């Protein structure tokens, strides 16, 4: 059985919206083993403002273009529902993507990471903007110290356990990428928040293309960031998909019409292409 490396910071501390600056050798960052003195680690999150989403699906198209997402798959999608009776009708739009979960308070490990046979893997180094270094464990599916849950296709064995473990149905196999450790199988795939763009100080593609500014991306650990202010102003800690799953998602929703409970449903067990009919 794989040994699980437990983080030393909980969601409660993260949601205070304060910067995480670590002095000393003991890690205080989710997903980290050791943190170099004075390393400031971001916590990347997304806020979806449902007051502004118009269901144009430019985010889905931009994502597929940016990440070369294969036909019949998605990394982000818009779920919609018409409510009311004619002529008093209204359409609800719900953007859905990987929630880059923190994991529960007990072990701080997202369910997709926990079931991965290739996690924990080799020790990795995350370099912070202030020159600090954070040591953490990689794997086929793993969580970086900045909160991003990522996939290393070279380590993937194509078992699909992470796909089954995700209650949001936001993972699928990539038919054009072979699992690095089993070339007879496809590798798992999902949103990675456009990590290459983030590394260069650029917003994820879906955020950049959103004409209504319904998607806001930023560092929750920076109290001056727009996302930190929105989470605090609208008390968004509980405004997430399937809070009962105790995965602590870090995609938050400004939801004045309270549509999350009515519109969003947990994906059916074993149905891997949960949103295939919603993809343009």
Protein backbone atom coordinates (compact mmCIF):
# COMPACT_ATOMS: atom_id res chain seq x y z
CA UNK A 1 0.00 0.00 0.00
CA UNK A 2 1.27 3.47 -0.85
CA UNK A 3 2.34 5.64 2.03
CA UNK A 4 0.31 8.84 2.16
CA UNK A 5 2.14 12.09 2.83
CA UNK A 6 -0.12 14.36 4.84
CA UNK A 7 -0.12 18.14 4.37
CA UNK A 8 -0.01 20.42 7.37
CA UNK A 9 -2.46 23.11 6.39
CA UNK A 10 -6.24 22.88 6.33
CA UNK A 11 -8.93 24.53 4.24
CA UNK A 12 -9.91 26.69 7.21
CA UNK A 13 -6.52 28.43 7.19
CA UNK A 14 -6.42 28.74 3.40
CA UNK A 15 -9.82 30.42 3.25
CA UNK A 16 -8.68 33.18 5.54
CA UNK A 17 -7.24 34.68 2.40
CA UNK A 18 -3.88 35.50 3.90
CA UNK A 19 -0.48 34.93 2.32
CA UNK A 20 1.40 31.78 3.26
CA UNK A 21 4.97 32.64 4.17
CA UNK A 22 6.95 29.86 5.79
CA UNK A 23 10.01 30.31 7.96
CA UNK A 24 11.88 27.21 9.01
CA UNK A 25 12.17 23.67 7.76
CA UNK A 26 8.71 22.35 8.63
CA UNK A 27 6.14 22.43 5.85
CA UNK A 28 2.95 24.44 6.37
CA UNK A 29 1.76 24.13 2.78
CA UNK A 30 -0.79 21.64 1.47
CA UNK A 31 0.92 18.89 -0.49
CA UNK A 32 4.40 19.84 0.66
CA UNK A 33 7.03 17.86 2.55
CA UNK A 34 9.47 20.68 3.24
CA UNK A 35 9.42 24.41 2.55
CA UNK A 36 12.49 26.59 2.29
CA UNK A 37 12.57 29.57 4.66
CA UNK A 38 10.55 32.60 3.52
CA UNK A 39 8.96 30.86 0.54
CA UNK A 40 5.61 32.47 -0.32
CA UNK A 41 3.30 29.93 -1.91
CA UNK A 42 0.17 30.90 -3.90
CA UNK A 43 -3.13 29.01 -3.81
CA UNK A 44 -4.64 29.25 -7.29
CA UNK A 45 -8.45 29.24 -7.40
CA UNK A 46 -11.31 30.13 -9.73
CA UNK A 47 -14.44 32.10 -8.89
CA UNK A 48 -17.45 31.62 -11.20
CA UNK A 49 -19.84 34.56 -11.12
CA UNK A 50 -23.18 33.04 -12.18
CA UNK A 51 -24.69 36.51 -12.41
CA UNK A 52 -22.52 37.15 -15.45
CA UNK A 53 -22.34 33.82 -17.31
CA UNK A 54 -24.37 34.04 -20.54
CA UNK A 55 -23.74 30.48 -21.73
CA UNK A 56 -21.76 31.50 -24.82
CA UNK A 57 -19.31 28.58 -24.33
CA UNK A 58 -16.35 30.64 -25.49
CA UNK A 59 -14.52 29.18 -22.48
CA UNK A 60 -15.05 25.63 -23.75
CA UNK A 61 -13.86 26.50 -27.26
CA UNK A 62 -10.81 28.43 -25.96
CA UNK A 63 -9.91 25.54 -23.66
CA UNK A 64 -10.15 22.96 -26.44
CA UNK A 65 -7.99 25.16 -28.69
CA UNK A 66 -5.39 25.99 -26.03
CA UNK A 67 -5.00 22.41 -24.77
CA UNK A 68 -5.75 20.43 -27.93
CA UNK A 69 -8.64 18.65 -26.22
CA UNK A 70 -9.85 15.74 -28.34
CA UNK A 71 -13.27 15.50 -29.97
CA UNK A 72 -15.93 14.22 -27.59
CA UNK A 73 -13.95 15.26 -24.47
CA UNK A 74 -13.79 18.45 -22.43
CA UNK A 75 -11.81 20.23 -19.76
CA UNK A 76 -14.49 22.79 -19.08
CA UNK A 77 -18.16 22.86 -20.07
CA UNK A 78 -21.36 24.82 -19.46
CA UNK A 79 -24.39 23.04 -18.06
CA UNK A 80 -27.72 24.80 -18.63
CA UNK A 81 -31.34 24.58 -17.56
CA UNK A 82 -34.48 26.54 -18.43
CA UNK A 83 -36.71 27.33 -15.45
CA UNK A 84 -40.20 28.80 -15.20
CA UNK A 85 -43.12 28.68 -17.62
CA UNK A 86 -43.56 30.69 -20.79
CA UNK A 87 -43.51 33.65 -21.00
CA UNK A 88 -41.83 33.97 -17.59
CA UNK A 89 -38.80 31.81 -18.26
CA UNK A 90 -35.13 32.10 -17.38
CA UNK A 91 -32.03 30.17 -18.34
CA UNK A 92 -29.45 29.12 -15.82
CA UNK A 93 -25.84 28.54 -16.87
CA UNK A 94 -23.33 26.64 -14.77
CA UNK A 95 -19.62 26.49 -15.74
CA UNK A 96 -17.99 23.21 -14.69
CA UNK A 97 -14.32 22.23 -14.60
CA UNK A 98 -11.83 20.40 -12.39
CA UNK A 99 -12.21 21.78 -8.88
CA UNK A 100 -8.52 21.34 -7.95
CA UNK A 101 -9.69 20.03 -4.60
CA UNK A 102 -7.68 20.44 -1.44
CA UNK A 103 -8.92 17.18 0.01
CA UNK A 104 -10.62 16.64 3.34
CA UNK A 105 -9.41 18.01 6.67
CA UNK A 106 -8.14 14.58 7.79
CA UNK A 107 -5.46 13.99 5.15
CA UNK A 108 -5.66 16.91 2.71
CA UNK A 109 -5.44 14.62 -0.32
CA UNK A 110 -7.99 14.84 -3.18
CA UNK A 111 -9.81 11.55 -3.90
CA UNK A 112 -8.31 11.29 -7.40
CA UNK A 113 -4.79 11.57 -5.98
CA UNK A 114 -5.48 9.19 -3.12
CA UNK A 115 -6.46 6.29 -5.41
CA UNK A 116 -3.62 6.75 -7.91
CA UNK A 117 -1.35 3.66 -7.82
CA UNK A 118 1.59 5.85 -8.88
CA UNK A 119 1.23 8.30 -5.97
CA UNK A 120 3.28 9.26 -4.06
CA UNK A 121 6.10 9.27 -6.58
CA UNK A 122 9.46 10.95 -6.70
CA UNK A 123 10.25 14.12 -4.77
CA UNK A 124 9.68 17.27 -6.80
CA UNK A 125 10.69 20.90 -6.27
CA UNK A 126 8.26 23.79 -6.65
CA UNK A 127 9.96 27.16 -7.06
CA UNK A 128 8.12 30.19 -5.71
CA UNK A 129 8.16 33.70 -7.18
CA UNK A 130 10.32 34.99 -4.31
CA UNK A 131 13.01 32.39 -5.00
CA UNK A 132 11.92 29.91 -2.35
CA UNK A 133 11.67 26.16 -2.89
CA UNK A 134 9.01 23.70 -1.76
CA UNK A 135 9.59 19.96 -1.83
CA UNK A 136 6.61 17.72 -2.52
CA UNK A 137 5.68 14.33 -3.95
CA UNK A 138 4.77 13.82 -7.60
CA UNK A 139 2.89 10.95 -9.19
CA UNK A 140 0.69 10.11 -12.16
CA UNK A 141 -1.94 12.24 -10.42
CA UNK A 142 -0.64 14.61 -7.78
CA UNK A 143 -1.25 17.94 -6.05
CA UNK A 144 1.29 20.73 -6.30
CA UNK A 145 1.96 23.02 -3.32
CA UNK A 146 0.09 25.81 -5.13
CA UNK A 147 -3.04 23.65 -5.05
CA UNK A 148 -3.14 22.58 -8.69
CA UNK A 149 -4.08 18.92 -9.16
CA UNK A 150 -2.14 17.68 -12.18
CA UNK A 151 -1.54 14.58 -14.30
CA UNK A 152 1.81 13.25 -15.46
CA UNK A 153 0.93 11.13 -18.49
CA UNK A 154 4.44 9.60 -18.49
CA UNK A 155 3.71 7.99 -15.12
CA UNK A 156 0.08 7.12 -15.86
CA UNK A 157 -0.78 3.41 -16.21
CA UNK A 158 -4.23 4.05 -17.72
CA UNK A 159 -6.10 2.30 -14.90
CA UNK A 160 -8.89 4.91 -14.73
CA UNK A 161 -9.07 4.84 -10.94
CA UNK A 162 -8.75 8.61 -10.73
CA UNK A 163 -11.61 9.00 -13.24
CA UNK A 164 -13.88 6.80 -11.14
CA UNK A 165 -12.86 8.53 -7.90
CA UNK A 166 -13.77 12.03 -9.10
CA UNK A 167 -17.36 12.80 -7.96
CA UNK A 168 -17.57 15.67 -10.47
CA UNK A 169 -17.03 13.63 -13.63
CA UNK A 170 -14.40 16.03 -14.92
CA UNK A 171 -11.76 13.48 -15.88
CA UNK A 172 -11.64 11.30 -18.99
CA UNK A 173 -9.16 9.32 -21.05
CA UNK A 174 -7.27 11.14 -23.80
CA UNK A 175 -7.51 8.95 -26.92
CA UNK A 176 -4.44 10.61 -28.43
CA UNK A 177 -2.08 10.27 -25.44
CA UNK A 178 -0.78 6.86 -24.40
CA UNK A 179 -0.25 6.03 -20.75
CA UNK A 180 3.50 6.26 -20.22
CA UNK A 181 3.73 3.07 -18.20
CA UNK A 182 1.30 1.03 -20.31
CA UNK A 183 1.33 1.96 -23.99
CA UNK A 184 -1.72 -0.22 -24.64
CA UNK A 185 -3.89 2.19 -22.65
CA UNK A 186 -4.87 5.84 -22.83
CA UNK A 187 -3.69 8.38 -20.27
CA UNK A 188 -6.10 10.28 -18.05
CA UNK A 189 -6.75 13.93 -18.84
CA UNK A 190 -8.41 17.00 -17.27
CA UNK A 191 -8.08 20.76 -16.67
CA UNK A 192 -4.68 21.88 -15.39
CA UNK A 193 -5.62 25.60 -15.08
CA UNK A 194 -3.35 26.22 -18.10
CA UNK A 195 -0.30 25.80 -15.88
CA UNK A 196 2.09 26.98 -18.60
CA UNK A 197 0.19 30.26 -18.88
CA UNK A 198 0.15 30.69 -15.10
CA UNK A 199 3.92 30.16 -14.99
CA UNK A 200 4.26 33.13 -17.34
CA UNK A 201 1.88 35.36 -15.42
CA UNK A 202 -1.02 34.90 -17.88
CA UNK A 203 -4.59 33.98 -16.97
CA UNK A 204 -5.94 30.57 -18.03
CA UNK A 205 -7.37 30.57 -21.55
CA UNK A 206 -10.99 30.21 -20.40
CA UNK A 207 -10.63 33.27 -18.16
CA UNK A 208 -8.92 35.31 -20.84
CA UNK A 209 -11.72 34.67 -23.34
CA UNK A 210 -14.74 35.13 -21.03
CA UNK A 211 -16.50 38.20 -22.45
CA UNK A 212 -18.72 38.68 -19.40
CA UNK A 213 -15.90 38.25 -16.85
CA UNK A 214 -17.85 35.43 -15.26
CA UNK A 215 -14.57 33.64 -14.54
CA UNK A 216 -12.09 35.20 -12.14
CA UNK A 217 -8.74 33.53 -11.51
CA UNK A 218 -6.17 34.36 -8.86
CA UNK A 219 -4.26 33.63 -5.68
CA UNK A 220 -6.48 33.02 -2.66
CA UNK A 221 -3.46 33.44 -0.38
CA UNK A 222 -3.10 37.06 -1.50
CA UNK A 223 -5.63 39.12 0.50
CA UNK A 224 -5.42 41.87 -2.11
CA UNK A 225 -6.34 39.59 -5.01
CA UNK A 226 -9.79 39.84 -6.59
CA UNK A 227 -10.58 36.20 -5.82
CA UNK A 228 -9.69 36.58 -2.13
CA UNK A 229 -11.91 39.66 -1.88
CA UNK A 230 -14.81 37.91 -3.65
CA UNK A 231 -14.56 34.79 -1.47
CA UNK A 232 -14.65 36.97 1.64
CA UNK A 233 -17.32 39.40 0.41
CA UNK A 234 -19.75 36.70 -0.74
CA UNK A 235 -18.80 34.09 1.87
CA UNK A 236 -18.07 31.51 -0.82
CA UNK A 237 -16.42 28.83 1.33
CA UNK A 238 -19.57 26.68 1.08
CA UNK A 239 -20.58 27.80 -2.41
CA UNK A 240 -18.99 24.87 -4.20
CA UNK A 241 -20.16 21.79 -6.08
CA UNK A 242 -21.14 18.82 -3.89
CA UNK A 243 -19.91 20.15 -0.51
CA UNK A 244 -21.16 16.93 1.06
CA UNK A 245 -18.36 15.05 -0.71
CA UNK A 246 -15.85 16.75 1.64
CA UNK A 247 -13.31 17.27 -1.15
CA UNK A 248 -12.91 21.01 -0.40
CA UNK A 249 -13.11 22.27 -4.00
CA UNK A 250 -11.31 25.47 -4.94
CA UNK A 251 -13.68 26.55 -7.67
CA UNK A 252 -16.20 28.84 -5.97
CA UNK A 253 -19.55 30.11 -7.23
CA UNK A 254 -21.28 33.46 -6.75
CA UNK A 255 -24.80 32.05 -6.81
CA UNK A 256 -27.52 34.58 -5.86
CA UNK A 257 -30.29 32.42 -7.36
CA UNK A 258 -29.11 29.34 -5.44
CA UNK A 259 -29.00 27.20 -8.57
CA UNK A 260 -26.16 24.88 -7.56
CA UNK A 261 -28.35 22.46 -5.62
CA UNK A 262 -31.08 22.42 -8.28
CA UNK A 263 -28.93 22.31 -11.40
CA UNK A 264 -25.87 20.30 -10.48
CA UNK A 265 -26.01 16.57 -9.79
CA UNK A 266 -23.29 14.12 -8.85
CA UNK A 267 -22.18 12.13 -11.87
CA UNK A 268 -23.47 8.60 -12.24
CA UNK A 269 -20.95 6.04 -11.01
CA UNK A 270 -18.97 4.57 -13.89
CA UNK A 271 -20.32 7.03 -16.47
CA UNK A 272 -17.05 8.55 -17.59
CA UNK A 273 -18.37 10.90 -20.28
CA UNK A 274 -20.83 12.64 -17.97
CA UNK A 275 -21.06 15.83 -20.02
CA UNK A 276 -20.42 14.53 -23.52
CA UNK A 277 -23.88 15.67 -24.68
CA UNK A 278 -23.18 19.22 -23.50
CA UNK A 279 -20.01 19.69 -25.52
CA UNK A 280 -20.40 21.93 -28.61
